Amino acid sequence: MNGAELLVRALENEGVERIFGIPGEENLFVVEALRKSSIQLVVTRHEQAAAFMAATYGRLTGKPGVCISTLGPGALNFSTGAAYALLGAMPLILITGQKGVLSSRQARFQVVDVVASMKPLTKLTRQIVSPKMVPTVVREAFRIAQEERPGPVHLELPEDIAAEEGGEVAMVPPHDLDLPVASTEAVDRAAAMIAAAERPLIMLGAAASRPRSTADLANFVIRTGIPYFTTQMGKGTVPGGLELYLGTAALSERDYIHEAIERADLIITIGHDTIEKPPFIMGGHGAKVVHVGYQPATVEQVYFPQAEVIGDLGPTLKILADRLEGNLPNAKALIYLRRGIRARVADRELEARFTPQRIVHDVRAVMPPDGILALDNGMYKIWFARNYRPEVANTLLLDNALATMGAGLPSAMMASMLYPTRRVMAVCGDGGFMMNSQELETAVRLQLNLVILLIKDNAYGMIRWKQAMDRFTDFGMTFGNPDFVKYAEAYGAQGTRVGRIEELESTLDNAFKGGGVHLVEVPIDYSENERVLVRELAQRLPVVEDNQ
């Protein structure tokens, strides 16, 4: 067997079913080995999209997704996807080609030191220099990608090593990764602090959404009876309809959810990762914080917990709940704020205008509990983070770590491939959508069932808003757009333009019922950005308290 065949055999040994990417001259031996294998090669139209899809596979399954590219320009196109997975803690394997390392007749043509360029963007980057090392290198790559904190690993396979015969080399069998449980002392210390709290509050962060943890998290919340809120990437970790849910911290301060945060005397953060934009700002006189996580807290100016409980979240939270259940007389001290917070956040969601609140409301209306929404990055993301209430874990996919534009459509495509019978929607602004819009062809070719809600404002809306808020002149943020309905149809998808807000819900519902790839274009009225997020929150209207 040559090096490429050993690589593909090792990937099969890891249970890999799909590889995303674009073939090139330097990985033709790998492509040929894939042709003869059980692994599906999903050809994309850009390497960045392939990395986003593979990273989303890792996010949704907990197992590393795999993507492949050629050398030089193709490999460098993986950079944003690698950073996306690194900051977002998504297990990912990136495999790139390279010119021969033993000899080369093309000198330095297209040669870039990709291993060096990937070093700050991955957990591990290695060049494979012998076919015989392939099984151990691949096993180590998958182990490192999956272990806490999950992330990307890069492997470079030069074309001469791919072609070199290595004989029969035994595969290394995978094994389960078991994480330690928090120490008894740490659990007891945290339990004492929580039991003594007069106004406790739970916050669920990005790491709380790991597929292996969500059921135990829900049980912890239910057993303790403590109200909770989430970060943007922690949304949906516990069913959004649960009566203890207060909301999501879409902003760092001054929003209505911060009414509860400011009144709490103890916040239990579960799975918080400071790579996410801060959900609240710690200060000298605020609530104490107990950090419960897979890894110790990263101490920052805005986050410095007074206690830490480190270990596998599921078993650790079960032990902590055993200590606390029935011993928290003040558990629901802040629940009276729930109705008022939700009422303020949902204000004007039924207005007959293309406001962000109304768009979020109509999207929620057509998405069943297990429907998956994948957001790109733009101004609308803040509104979805505030207003959209997931009912099942990992059904709202947004990126609040790297927060890159262009990831929404590929993420939704991956979700549709994994869950073909569930409703999947990508929500993209016209700016972010055009960064990877070529993947419409991939989605159509793969015969996916997918709706893309395209929010059109002919501008880089979030930055334009911030430019205005900082009193700069409106400059450099606007652009033209194609006719998106014709654009979608040119790729073989369906396209619809919504002219009246009353048509949005039915249009989205019909798009899902029709099946296939369907783009729905909708305008947006961003005047609400200033009215709500600036003027209203500057004073923060009173929250109606409910003592029932």
Protein backbone atom coordinates (compact mmCIF):
# COMPACT_ATOMS: atom_id res chain seq x y z
CA MET A 1 0.00 0.00 0.00
CA ASN A 2 1.25 3.48 -0.79
CA GLY A 3 1.13 6.42 1.59
CA ALA A 4 -2.17 7.73 0.23
CA GLU A 5 -3.85 4.35 0.58
CA LEU A 6 -2.56 4.03 4.13
CA LEU A 7 -3.93 7.50 4.90
CA VAL A 8 -7.38 6.61 3.61
CA ARG A 9 -7.28 3.26 5.43
CA ALA A 10 -6.41 5.11 8.64
CA LEU A 11 -9.32 7.52 8.11
CA GLU A 12 -11.68 4.56 7.61
CA ASN A 13 -10.26 3.13 10.83
CA GLU A 14 -11.42 6.32 12.56
CA GLY A 15 -14.94 5.92 11.20
CA VAL A 16 -14.72 8.78 8.68
CA GLU A 17 -17.64 8.72 6.24
CA ARG A 18 -17.14 12.00 4.35
CA ILE A 19 -14.27 14.25 3.36
CA PHE A 20 -14.90 17.80 2.12
CA GLY A 21 -12.63 19.69 -0.23
CA ILE A 22 -11.12 20.30 -3.63
CA PRO A 23 -8.69 17.96 -5.40
CA GLY A 24 -5.37 19.20 -6.73
CA GLU A 25 -2.36 17.83 -8.56
CA GLU A 26 -0.50 17.12 -5.32
CA ASN A 27 -3.25 14.96 -3.78
CA LEU A 28 -4.29 12.89 -6.78
CA PHE A 29 -3.00 9.71 -5.12
CA VAL A 30 -5.28 10.45 -2.15
CA VAL A 31 -8.22 11.13 -4.47
CA GLU A 32 -7.65 7.79 -6.17
CA ALA A 33 -7.48 6.02 -2.82
CA LEU A 34 -10.74 7.72 -1.81
CA ARG A 35 -12.37 6.52 -5.03
CA LYS A 36 -11.71 2.93 -3.98
CA SER A 37 -12.75 3.48 -0.36
CA SER A 38 -15.99 3.66 1.62
CA ILE A 39 -15.49 7.41 2.21
CA GLN A 40 -17.57 9.93 0.25
CA LEU A 41 -15.61 12.80 -1.30
CA VAL A 42 -17.78 15.91 -1.14
CA VAL A 43 -16.36 18.36 -3.66
CA THR A 44 -16.98 22.00 -2.70
CA ARG A 45 -16.40 25.18 -4.70
CA HIS A 46 -13.98 26.75 -2.23
CA GLU A 47 -11.68 25.29 0.42
CA GLN A 48 -12.97 27.70 3.05
CA ALA A 49 -16.48 26.27 2.71
CA ALA A 50 -15.08 22.74 2.98
CA ALA A 51 -13.41 23.63 6.29
CA PHE A 52 -16.59 25.27 7.60
CA MET A 53 -18.61 22.16 6.72
CA ALA A 54 -16.11 19.79 8.32
CA ALA A 55 -15.90 21.96 11.46
CA THR A 56 -19.70 22.01 11.74
CA TYR A 57 -19.70 18.22 11.49
CA GLY A 58 -17.36 18.21 14.49
CA ARG A 59 -19.56 20.68 16.37
CA LEU A 60 -22.73 18.63 15.86
CA THR A 61 -21.32 15.12 16.35
CA GLY A 62 -18.34 15.58 18.68
CA LYS A 63 -16.22 13.62 16.16
CA PRO A 64 -13.63 15.34 13.94
CA GLY A 65 -14.76 16.41 10.51
CA VAL A 66 -12.19 16.02 7.74
CA CYS A 67 -11.35 18.30 4.82
CA ILE A 68 -8.72 18.09 2.09
CA SER A 69 -6.94 20.51 -0.20
CA THR A 70 -3.93 20.75 -2.44
CA LEU A 71 -0.79 22.74 -1.59
CA GLY A 72 -0.13 26.49 -1.48
CA PRO A 73 -3.21 28.54 -2.40
CA GLY A 74 -5.65 25.73 -1.65
CA ALA A 75 -4.07 24.99 1.71
CA LEU A 76 -3.99 28.66 2.68
CA ASN A 77 -7.71 28.90 1.95
CA PHE A 78 -8.16 26.60 4.96
CA SER A 79 -6.77 29.27 7.29
CA THR A 80 -10.10 30.90 8.18
CA GLY A 81 -11.72 27.50 8.67
CA ALA A 82 -8.89 26.43 10.96
CA ALA A 83 -9.29 29.57 13.07
CA TYR A 84 -13.08 29.06 13.09
CA ALA A 85 -12.60 25.58 14.57
CA LEU A 86 -9.82 26.65 16.95
CA LEU A 87 -11.76 29.50 18.54
CA GLY A 88 -15.07 27.65 18.36
CA ALA A 89 -13.65 24.42 19.89
CA MET A 90 -14.76 22.20 17.00
CA PRO A 91 -12.81 18.97 16.28
CA LEU A 92 -11.43 19.13 12.75
CA ILE A 93 -8.75 17.41 10.65
CA LEU A 94 -7.25 19.43 7.78
CA ILE A 95 -5.23 17.44 5.23
CA THR A 96 -3.17 19.32 2.65
CA GLY A 97 -0.90 18.26 -0.20
CA GLN A 98 2.63 19.40 -0.91
CA LYS A 99 5.35 19.05 -3.55
CA GLY A 100 7.73 16.15 -3.13
CA VAL A 101 10.11 16.52 -0.21
CA LEU A 102 12.68 13.93 -1.31
CA SER A 103 13.09 15.48 -4.75
CA SER A 104 11.24 18.03 -6.85
CA ARG A 105 11.48 18.88 -10.53
CA GLN A 106 9.45 22.05 -10.06
CA ALA A 107 11.75 23.75 -7.54
CA ARG A 108 9.76 26.12 -5.29
CA PHE A 109 6.74 26.54 -7.59
CA GLN A 110 3.60 27.01 -5.41
CA VAL A 111 5.50 25.92 -2.32
CA VAL A 112 4.50 27.66 0.91
CA ASP A 113 5.45 26.52 4.41
CA VAL A 114 1.89 25.52 5.30
CA VAL A 115 2.98 23.65 8.44
CA ALA A 116 4.44 26.89 9.81
CA SER A 117 1.42 28.94 8.73
CA MET A 118 -0.94 26.50 10.49
CA LYS A 119 0.97 26.43 13.76
CA PRO A 120 -0.88 29.34 15.45
CA LEU A 121 -4.23 28.20 14.01
CA THR A 122 -4.27 24.55 15.13
CA LYS A 123 -3.67 22.35 18.15
CA LEU A 124 -1.08 20.36 16.17
CA THR A 125 0.43 20.56 12.68
CA ARG A 126 2.70 17.88 11.19
CA GLN A 127 4.21 16.87 7.89
CA ILE A 128 4.08 13.14 7.13
CA VAL A 129 7.56 12.08 5.97
CA SER A 130 7.10 8.29 5.68
CA PRO A 131 4.15 6.05 4.76
CA LYS A 132 4.90 3.84 7.75
CA MET A 133 4.12 6.65 10.19
CA VAL A 134 0.65 7.29 8.75
CA PRO A 135 -1.44 5.11 11.11
CA THR A 136 0.10 6.51 14.31
CA VAL A 137 0.06 10.11 13.06
CA VAL A 138 -3.61 9.87 12.06
CA ARG A 139 -4.63 8.24 15.37
CA GLU A 140 -2.79 10.94 17.31
CA ALA A 141 -4.39 13.65 15.16
CA PHE A 142 -7.90 12.41 15.91
CA ARG A 143 -7.15 12.04 19.63
CA ILE A 144 -5.79 15.57 19.91
CA ALA A 145 -8.62 17.06 17.85
CA GLN A 146 -11.23 15.49 20.17
CA GLU A 147 -9.71 15.93 23.59
CA GLU A 148 -10.60 19.01 25.62
CA ARG A 149 -10.41 21.66 24.42
CA PRO A 150 -11.44 20.29 20.94
CA GLY A 151 -10.04 21.95 17.86
CA PRO A 152 -8.27 21.56 14.51
CA VAL A 153 -5.25 19.43 13.63
CA HIS A 154 -3.36 19.81 10.35
CA LEU A 155 -1.55 17.05 8.45
CA GLU A 156 0.53 17.66 5.33
CA LEU A 157 1.11 14.74 2.95
CA PRO A 158 3.73 15.45 0.23
CA GLU A 159 2.96 13.86 -3.12
CA ASP A 160 6.07 11.64 -3.17
CA ILE A 161 5.26 10.24 0.28
CA ALA A 162 1.68 9.67 -0.91
CA ALA A 163 3.01 7.65 -3.85
CA GLU A 164 5.69 5.75 -1.91
CA GLU A 165 4.99 2.12 -1.10
CA GLY A 166 4.86 1.40 2.60
CA GLY A 167 3.71 -2.20 2.62
CA GLU A 168 1.18 -3.45 5.11
CA VAL A 169 1.21 -1.33 8.25
CA ALA A 170 -1.10 -2.15 11.13
CA MET A 171 -3.77 0.39 12.03
CA VAL A 172 -3.96 1.75 15.57
CA PRO A 173 -7.40 0.98 17.04
CA PRO A 174 -9.28 4.03 18.38
CA HIS A 175 -10.32 4.10 22.02
CA ASP A 176 -12.76 6.15 24.06
CA LEU A 177 -11.53 9.32 25.71
CA ASP A 178 -12.51 9.44 29.36
CA LEU A 179 -12.28 12.72 31.20
CA PRO A 180 -11.64 13.05 34.92
CA VAL A 181 -14.38 14.15 37.30
CA ALA A 182 -13.87 17.19 39.52
CA SER A 183 -12.31 16.61 42.92
CA THR A 184 -14.49 16.17 46.00
CA GLU A 185 -12.93 19.25 47.58
CA ALA A 186 -13.79 21.45 44.58
CA VAL A 187 -17.38 20.17 44.47
CA ASP A 188 -17.85 20.68 48.23
CA ARG A 189 -16.45 24.22 48.05
CA ALA A 190 -18.75 25.15 45.17
CA ALA A 191 -21.76 23.49 46.81
CA ALA A 192 -21.24 25.52 49.98
CA MET A 193 -21.06 28.78 48.03
CA ILE A 194 -24.19 27.97 46.01
CA ALA A 195 -26.16 26.88 49.09
CA ALA A 196 -25.25 30.13 50.84
CA ALA A 197 -26.25 32.34 47.92
CA GLU A 198 -29.34 34.51 48.33
CA ARG A 199 -29.86 35.20 44.62
CA PRO A 200 -28.11 32.46 42.57
CA LEU A 201 -28.07 32.41 38.78
CA ILE A 202 -26.76 29.87 36.24
CA MET A 203 -25.07 30.80 32.96
CA LEU A 204 -24.55 28.21 30.20
CA GLY A 205 -21.66 28.89 27.83
CA ALA A 206 -20.26 27.50 24.59
CA ALA A 207 -18.71 24.34 26.04
CA ALA A 208 -22.05 23.40 27.56
CA SER A 209 -23.26 22.53 24.07
CA ARG A 210 -20.93 19.54 23.65
CA PRO A 211 -23.19 16.71 22.41
CA ARG A 212 -22.15 14.42 25.26
CA SER A 213 -23.14 16.91 27.99
CA THR A 214 -26.50 18.44 27.18
CA ALA A 215 -28.76 15.91 28.96
CA ASP A 216 -26.79 16.19 32.22
CA LEU A 217 -26.91 19.98 32.00
CA ALA A 218 -30.67 19.97 31.70
CA ASN A 219 -30.94 17.66 34.69
CA PHE A 220 -28.71 19.93 36.78
CA VAL A 221 -30.88 22.97 36.05
CA ILE A 222 -34.08 21.07 36.80
CA ARG A 223 -32.77 19.48 39.99
CA THR A 224 -31.40 22.71 41.44
CA GLY A 225 -34.30 24.90 40.30
CA ILE A 226 -31.97 27.86 39.73
CA PRO A 227 -32.94 30.25 36.88
CA TYR A 228 -30.49 30.35 34.01
CA PHE A 229 -29.40 32.42 31.05
CA THR A 230 -27.03 31.58 28.21
CA THR A 231 -24.25 33.04 26.14
CA GLN A 232 -24.86 33.24 22.40
CA MET A 233 -23.11 29.90 21.76
CA GLY A 234 -24.75 28.32 24.80
CA LYS A 235 -28.27 28.89 23.45
CA GLY A 236 -30.47 25.81 23.36
CA THR A 237 -28.30 23.79 25.72
CA VAL A 238 -31.32 23.38 27.97
CA PRO A 239 -34.71 23.52 26.21
CA GLY A 240 -35.67 27.16 25.69
CA GLY A 241 -39.23 26.50 26.80
CA LEU A 242 -38.11 25.51 30.27
CA GLU A 243 -39.75 27.74 32.86
CA LEU A 244 -36.38 28.65 34.40
CA TYR A 245 -34.94 30.21 31.22
CA LEU A 246 -34.45 33.98 31.53
CA GLY A 247 -32.83 34.80 28.19
CA THR A 248 -29.56 35.16 26.32
CA ALA A 249 -26.77 37.69 26.78
CA ALA A 250 -26.48 38.94 23.21
CA LEU A 251 -24.68 42.06 24.49
CA SER A 252 -22.03 42.43 27.18
CA GLU A 253 -23.97 44.85 29.38
CA ARG A 254 -27.11 46.99 29.83
CA ASP A 255 -29.55 44.58 28.13
CA TYR A 256 -32.65 43.38 29.96
CA ILE A 257 -31.06 40.04 30.90
CA HIS A 258 -28.47 42.07 32.80
CA GLU A 259 -31.26 43.07 35.18
CA ALA A 260 -30.97 39.53 36.58
CA ILE A 261 -27.17 39.42 36.29
CA GLU A 262 -26.81 42.65 38.26
CA ARG A 263 -29.12 41.46 41.03
CA ALA A 264 -27.47 38.03 41.40
CA ASP A 265 -25.02 37.54 44.25
CA LEU A 266 -23.62 34.32 42.75
CA ILE A 267 -23.36 33.20 39.12
CA ILE A 268 -22.55 29.56 38.30
CA THR A 269 -20.98 29.63 34.82
CA ILE A 270 -21.12 26.22 33.14
CA GLY A 271 -18.92 25.68 30.12
CA HIS A 272 -17.97 29.34 29.73
CA ASP A 273 -15.06 30.01 27.40
CA THR A 274 -13.66 33.53 27.32
CA ILE A 275 -13.04 33.13 23.61
CA GLU A 276 -16.69 34.17 23.35
CA LYS A 277 -17.60 37.85 23.46
CA PRO A 278 -18.20 38.60 27.19
CA PRO A 279 -21.82 37.92 28.25
CA PHE A 280 -21.28 40.12 31.30
CA ILE A 281 -18.48 42.22 32.77
CA MET A 282 -17.15 41.23 36.19
CA GLY A 283 -16.21 44.05 38.55
CA GLY A 284 -15.13 44.59 42.12
CA HIS A 285 -18.65 44.79 43.56
CA GLY A 286 -20.64 42.36 41.40
CA ALA A 287 -21.68 38.76 41.91
CA LYS A 288 -19.19 36.08 42.86
CA VAL A 289 -18.60 33.47 40.14
CA VAL A 290 -18.23 29.70 40.35
CA HIS A 291 -16.64 28.39 37.14
CA VAL A 292 -17.69 24.85 36.18
CA GLY A 293 -15.88 23.62 33.09
CA TYR A 294 -13.86 21.01 31.29
CA GLN A 295 -10.81 23.23 31.73
CA PRO A 296 -9.73 25.89 34.22
CA ALA A 297 -10.93 29.41 33.60
CA THR A 298 -8.84 31.79 31.57
CA VAL A 299 -8.54 34.74 33.90
CA GLU A 300 -9.29 38.00 32.13
CA GLN A 301 -9.93 41.57 33.15
CA VAL A 302 -13.65 40.91 32.76
CA TYR A 303 -13.73 37.33 34.12
CA PHE A 304 -11.99 36.10 37.29
CA PRO A 305 -13.98 33.38 39.11
CA GLN A 306 -13.73 32.96 42.88
CA ALA A 307 -14.04 29.15 42.67
CA GLU A 308 -13.54 26.49 39.99
CA VAL A 309 -14.94 22.99 39.48
CA ILE A 310 -12.96 21.32 36.71
CA GLY A 311 -13.83 17.98 35.13
CA ASP A 312 -16.13 16.15 32.74
CA LEU A 313 -19.27 18.30 32.86
CA GLY A 314 -21.88 15.55 32.85
CA PRO A 315 -20.68 13.44 35.79
CA THR A 316 -19.41 16.51 37.66
CA LEU A 317 -22.77 18.27 37.47
CA LYS A 318 -24.55 15.11 38.62
CA ILE A 319 -22.39 14.98 41.74
CA LEU A 320 -22.89 18.70 42.35
CA ALA A 321 -26.67 18.32 41.92
CA ASP A 322 -26.64 15.45 44.45
CA ARG A 323 -25.14 17.88 46.98
CA LEU A 324 -27.58 20.69 46.21
CA GLU A 325 -30.98 19.17 45.41
CA GLY A 326 -33.49 20.05 48.12
CA ASN A 327 -30.98 22.28 49.94
CA LEU A 328 -31.47 25.56 48.10
CA PRO A 329 -34.17 27.64 49.76
CA ASN A 330 -33.24 30.66 47.65
CA ALA A 331 -32.95 28.82 44.32
CA LYS A 332 -35.76 30.69 42.58
CA ALA A 333 -35.05 34.11 44.09
CA LEU A 334 -34.63 35.74 40.67
CA ILE A 335 -37.38 33.93 38.76
CA TYR A 336 -39.77 36.84 39.28
CA LEU A 337 -37.80 38.78 36.63
CA ARG A 338 -38.46 36.23 33.89
CA ARG A 339 -41.78 37.47 32.55
CA GLY A 340 -40.66 41.10 32.43
CA ILE A 341 -37.35 40.34 30.69
CA ARG A 342 -39.04 38.24 28.06
CA ALA A 343 -41.75 40.83 27.49
CA ARG A 344 -39.19 43.59 26.93
CA VAL A 345 -37.11 41.49 24.54
CA ALA A 346 -40.20 40.40 22.55
CA ASP A 347 -41.56 43.95 22.30
CA ARG A 348 -42.96 44.83 18.82
CA GLU A 349 -42.27 41.35 17.41
CA LEU A 350 -45.65 41.43 15.62
CA GLU A 351 -45.30 44.87 14.04
CA ALA A 352 -46.21 44.96 10.35
CA ARG A 353 -42.71 46.01 9.29
CA PHE A 354 -39.57 44.18 8.24
CA THR A 355 -38.02 44.70 11.67
CA PRO A 356 -35.47 42.23 13.08
CA GLN A 357 -37.93 41.29 15.84
CA ARG A 358 -40.67 40.41 13.33
CA ILE A 359 -38.29 38.42 11.13
CA VAL A 360 -37.07 36.40 14.13
CA HIS A 361 -40.68 35.79 15.20
CA ASP A 362 -41.72 34.49 11.78
CA VAL A 363 -38.65 32.28 11.46
CA ARG A 364 -39.38 30.75 14.88
CA ALA A 365 -42.97 30.12 13.75
CA VAL A 366 -41.92 27.90 10.81
CA MET A 367 -39.13 26.02 12.60
CA PRO A 368 -40.20 22.90 14.51
CA PRO A 369 -38.50 22.11 17.84
CA ASP A 370 -35.80 20.03 16.10
CA GLY A 371 -35.34 22.46 13.20
CA ILE A 372 -31.79 23.77 12.81
CA LEU A 373 -30.98 27.42 12.20
CA ALA A 374 -27.45 28.34 11.06
CA LEU A 375 -26.60 32.02 11.31
CA ASP A 376 -23.96 33.85 9.35
CA ASN A 377 -22.45 36.95 10.98
CA GLY A 378 -24.10 40.33 10.79
CA MET A 379 -26.36 42.73 12.65
CA TYR A 380 -29.27 40.27 12.55
CA LYS A 381 -27.23 37.81 14.64
CA ILE A 382 -27.63 40.01 17.73
CA TRP A 383 -31.39 40.03 17.23
CA PHE A 384 -31.58 36.26 16.77
CA ALA A 385 -29.37 35.80 19.84
CA ARG A 386 -31.71 37.98 21.92
CA ASN A 387 -35.09 36.86 20.56
CA TYR A 388 -34.86 33.34 19.12
CA ARG A 389 -35.66 30.62 21.65
CA PRO A 390 -34.32 27.15 20.73
CA GLU A 391 -36.17 24.19 22.20
CA VAL A 392 -33.60 21.45 21.46
CA ALA A 393 -29.82 21.48 22.00
CA ASN A 394 -27.64 22.43 19.05
CA THR A 395 -30.50 23.72 16.91
CA LEU A 396 -29.15 27.29 16.73
CA LEU A 397 -25.69 27.34 15.16
CA LEU A 398 -23.97 30.69 15.45
CA ASP A 399 -20.35 31.71 15.80
CA ASN A 400 -19.57 34.13 18.61
CA ALA A 401 -15.87 33.24 18.80
CA LEU A 402 -14.14 34.00 15.47
CA ALA A 403 -17.48 35.45 14.28
CA THR A 404 -16.46 35.15 10.66
CA MET A 405 -18.70 36.04 7.76
CA GLY A 406 -19.32 33.37 5.14
CA ALA A 407 -19.85 30.40 7.47
CA GLY A 408 -23.66 30.38 7.62
CA LEU A 409 -24.45 28.63 4.35
CA PRO A 410 -21.77 25.89 4.64
CA SER A 411 -22.80 25.21 8.25
CA ALA A 412 -26.43 24.82 7.23
CA MET A 413 -25.41 22.52 4.37
CA MET A 414 -23.59 20.25 6.81
CA ALA A 415 -26.58 20.19 9.14
CA SER A 416 -28.83 19.25 6.22
CA MET A 417 -26.51 16.41 5.24
CA LEU A 418 -26.51 15.04 8.79
CA TYR A 419 -30.25 15.48 9.37
CA PRO A 420 -31.98 15.25 5.96
CA THR A 421 -35.48 14.89 7.42
CA ARG A 422 -35.30 17.99 9.64
CA ARG A 423 -35.95 21.56 8.61
CA VAL A 424 -32.66 23.42 8.17
CA MET A 425 -32.36 27.14 7.45
CA ALA A 426 -29.36 29.37 6.83
CA VAL A 427 -29.83 33.03 7.76
CA CYS A 428 -27.36 35.23 5.90
CA GLY A 429 -26.89 38.90 5.20
CA ASP A 430 -26.14 39.91 1.63
CA GLY A 431 -22.53 40.67 2.62
CA GLY A 432 -21.77 37.32 4.25
CA PHE A 433 -23.79 35.29 1.77
CA MET A 434 -21.74 36.51 -1.20
CA MET A 435 -18.54 35.35 0.49
CA ASN A 436 -19.50 31.73 -0.09
CA SER A 437 -22.57 31.93 -2.33
CA GLN A 438 -20.89 29.65 -4.88
CA GLU A 439 -21.75 26.77 -2.54
CA LEU A 440 -25.35 27.00 -3.79
CA GLU A 441 -24.10 24.78 -6.61
CA THR A 442 -22.73 22.28 -4.09
CA ALA A 443 -26.02 22.25 -2.16
CA VAL A 444 -28.02 21.68 -5.35
CA ARG A 445 -25.64 18.97 -6.57
CA LEU A 446 -25.93 17.16 -3.21
CA GLN A 447 -29.75 17.41 -3.48
CA LEU A 448 -30.04 18.97 -0.05
CA ASN A 449 -33.26 20.20 1.49
CA LEU A 450 -32.32 23.68 2.64
CA VAL A 451 -33.85 27.15 2.92
CA ILE A 452 -31.61 30.23 2.81
CA LEU A 453 -33.17 33.37 4.29
CA LEU A 454 -31.20 36.19 2.70
CA ILE A 455 -31.48 39.50 4.57
CA LYS A 456 -30.79 42.31 2.13
CA ASP A 457 -29.70 45.82 3.10
CA ASN A 458 -27.04 46.43 0.41
CA ALA A 459 -24.42 47.11 3.08
CA TYR A 460 -22.10 45.65 5.68
CA GLY A 461 -24.87 46.45 8.13
CA MET A 462 -23.27 45.83 11.51
CA ILE A 463 -20.16 47.86 10.78
CA ARG A 464 -22.25 50.59 9.17
CA TRP A 465 -24.32 50.78 12.36
CA LYS A 466 -21.22 50.97 14.57
CA GLN A 467 -19.74 53.58 12.26
CA ALA A 468 -22.87 55.70 12.79
CA MET A 469 -22.90 55.11 16.56
CA ASP A 470 -19.29 56.31 16.76
CA ARG A 471 -20.32 59.43 14.82
CA PHE A 472 -18.20 58.70 11.76
CA THR A 473 -19.38 59.75 8.32
CA ASP A 474 -21.32 57.07 6.45
CA PHE A 475 -18.57 55.84 4.12
CA GLY A 476 -17.31 52.61 2.54
CA MET A 477 -20.04 50.25 3.75
CA THR A 478 -22.51 49.98 0.86
CA PHE A 479 -22.44 47.87 -2.29
CA GLY A 480 -24.60 46.61 -5.14
CA ASN A 481 -26.16 43.17 -5.36
CA PRO A 482 -27.24 40.77 -8.07
CA ASP A 483 -30.86 39.83 -8.58
CA PHE A 484 -30.78 37.12 -5.90
CA VAL A 485 -33.84 35.31 -7.24
CA LYS A 486 -32.23 34.92 -10.67
CA TYR A 487 -28.89 34.20 -9.00
CA ALA A 488 -30.37 31.24 -7.10
CA GLU A 489 -32.15 29.99 -10.21
CA ALA A 490 -28.90 30.12 -12.17
CA TYR A 491 -27.50 27.51 -9.80
CA GLY A 492 -30.59 25.32 -10.12
CA ALA A 493 -32.11 26.43 -6.82
CA GLN A 494 -35.45 28.14 -6.32
CA GLY A 495 -35.73 31.82 -5.49
CA THR A 496 -38.46 33.99 -3.96
CA ARG A 497 -38.57 37.67 -3.06
CA VAL A 498 -40.82 38.70 -0.16
CA GLY A 499 -42.54 42.03 -0.81
CA ARG A 500 -44.83 42.27 2.23
CA ILE A 501 -44.02 41.20 5.78
CA GLU A 502 -47.34 39.37 5.97
CA GLU A 503 -46.01 37.00 3.28
CA LEU A 504 -42.79 35.98 5.07
CA GLU A 505 -44.04 33.17 7.29
CA SER A 506 -46.08 31.47 4.56
CA THR A 507 -43.26 31.90 2.03
CA LEU A 508 -40.75 30.19 4.35
CA ASP A 509 -43.20 27.42 5.16
CA ASN A 510 -43.91 26.78 1.48
CA ALA A 511 -40.19 26.77 0.71
CA PHE A 512 -39.68 23.97 3.22
CA LYS A 513 -42.68 22.04 1.94
CA GLY A 514 -41.41 22.31 -1.63
CA GLY A 515 -38.10 20.67 -0.77
CA GLY A 516 -34.74 21.22 -2.42
CA VAL A 517 -32.63 24.36 -2.12
CA HIS A 518 -34.72 27.54 -1.84
CA LEU A 519 -33.47 31.10 -1.37
CA VAL A 520 -35.89 33.61 0.15
CA GLU A 521 -34.86 37.28 -0.10
CA VAL A 522 -36.24 39.71 2.48
CA PRO A 523 -35.46 43.39 3.17
CA ILE A 524 -34.84 44.60 6.71
CA ASP A 525 -35.59 47.77 8.63
CA TYR A 526 -32.55 48.37 10.84
CA SER A 527 -33.95 51.54 12.42
CA GLU A 528 -34.65 49.32 15.44
CA ASN A 529 -30.90 49.07 16.06
CA GLU A 530 -30.73 52.62 17.30
CA ARG A 531 -34.19 52.72 18.91
CA VAL A 532 -33.69 49.57 21.01
CA LEU A 533 -29.98 48.83 21.25
CA VAL A 534 -28.89 52.43 21.81
CA ARG A 535 -31.62 54.78 23.03
CA GLU A 536 -33.85 52.33 24.89
CA LEU A 537 -31.07 50.33 26.53
CA ALA A 538 -29.27 53.52 27.54
CA GLN A 539 -32.06 54.01 30.10
CA ARG A 540 -33.27 50.38 30.15
CA LEU A 541 -37.01 50.52 30.62
CA PRO A 542 -38.27 49.00 33.88
CA VAL A 543 -38.82 45.26 33.90
CA VAL A 544 -42.28 44.29 35.10
CA GLU A 545 -41.77 42.08 38.11
CA ASP A 546 -43.86 38.95 38.57
CA ASN A 547 -43.96 37.67 42.14
CA GLN A 548 -46.20 34.73 41.33
